[in-house]
Amino acid sequence: MGNLPHAGERSGAIEHSTISERAQQLVATRTPFVRATVVRAQQPTSAHAGDEAILLADGTIEGFVGGQCAQNSVRKAALGVLQAGESVLLRVLPDGDVHFPEAPGAAVVVNPCLSGGSLEIFLTPQLPPPLIRVCGDTPIADALVQLCQVLGYDARREIDSGTDLSDTAAVVIASHGGPEAEIIRTALDHGVGYVGLVASTVRGAAIVNELELGEPERARIHTPVGLPIGAKTPAEIAVSIAAELIAVLRDGNLTRVSTVTSTDPAEAVDPVCGMTVLIGPGTEHLQLAGTDYWFCCPRCRSAFSAEHGGA
């Protein structure tokens, strides 16, 4: 990735600004990632305090937070951080070193592959804010977009046939007419978890009925949209809608974003040290007699190859 070193390379020239620029690129494209920072390194270890890396959901590491043995532990922990959405202080220790007990917000990994030393790495997930699409050119739509932005959500206007809704958490239709049924159908087909329609009870029911939906799809449609707080003005109605969005987001009933790819990296057990590794393009690999073996580092691969006569 540009001038970032490949995984496994040690470089004293990894600039904080380079990692920060890459992080900004990922944020702009709504790409989930974990930012890893070495906060403590006990020799012997190839990493130093202050080293940084970015870890993507497919297991890719950009930057440096230790050699290949350490990277496998960091990669596996980073995927867990993405799924949980919470920061973790990861302590990577050699076999038998139990100086650091687990504590809230911290995780200990015993890595038998390490040649010594230990690492403490802070893993911070960077998840895109919920993407809310608001349809309509009305005072309610205008007020809702502004309110969503205040809440830190990514609010965008309009939907057409070419709009990609795969990352959309919610669609709110506040157009007071137009192709409302078509927009609802499009949102449902793309798996949007919350579809809100600004309409009266009678008009909303009529639109939903004409779509001939099953119960699972009906459950994703909210009309009249918003919590019943007696809202009258456009701003008050926007508040009621935002409140309902907050409720379903916090309850976990609304798909915010796919934080991990639909096909998570496969795992394998290193036959030498017994460590669980994630299978990716950079994972050490050996095929013998038609069987694939995966390793945490070149040393384990070489030991296995020497014992079993591999190439």
Foldseek 3Di string as FASTA:
>chain_A
DPPFDAAFDQDPPPDPVVQVVVVVVCQVVQFKKKKKFWCDWFPPWRAHGGWIWIAGQQQGITTDDGGLLVSQVVSVVRNVCLVVQDKAWEKEFEPPDDPDDDDVRYDYDHGPVDPGIITIMIIHIDGHAFEEEEEADDLLSVLLQVVCVVVVHRYYYDDDPPDQCLQHFEYEYDHADDPLLVVLVVCVVSPHQAYEYCDAPVVVVVSVVVNVDDPVSVVRYDPVAFDPPVDDDSNSRSVRNVVVVVVCVVVVSIRRGDSHDPDGFDWDALPQRRDIGGDDPPWDWFADPNDIHTHSDVVSVVVVCVVPVTD
